[in-house]
């Protein structure tokens, strides 16, 4: 059973950067597309970006396009979320998730049901 663990969250000042890591165990991540979600305090969960199983295709929500970059290293069974020019509005718990259905395609989605979820890592953007 695939399991995901996020790390790299913390406190960062506005305008700063942070890199989150999502490591898989119990299976091979290269069979899955990976998406990142976030949930801000008092708000619902928001899908923000995804990457295909090969890493060849990515999709971004408007709220993070141009600031966040998703990548993966299948040899390390890991995916990454590079967050730049962070704003207080980016404060949230960030989750990675794996999608087996899209993993069999060349694409990805952050709006369809995911098969596996990580436990989340908190990112706080504040001065």
Foldseek 3Di string as FASTA:
>chain_A
DKAKAKDWADEAAAQAKTKMKIAIPPDFQLLWKKWKWWAAVPGDIGTAKIAESVRPDMDGDPVQPPFKDKGADRVRRMIMIIGGNDDQVPWTWMKMFTANVRNVDRYDDRPDDGDYIYPTDTHGYHD
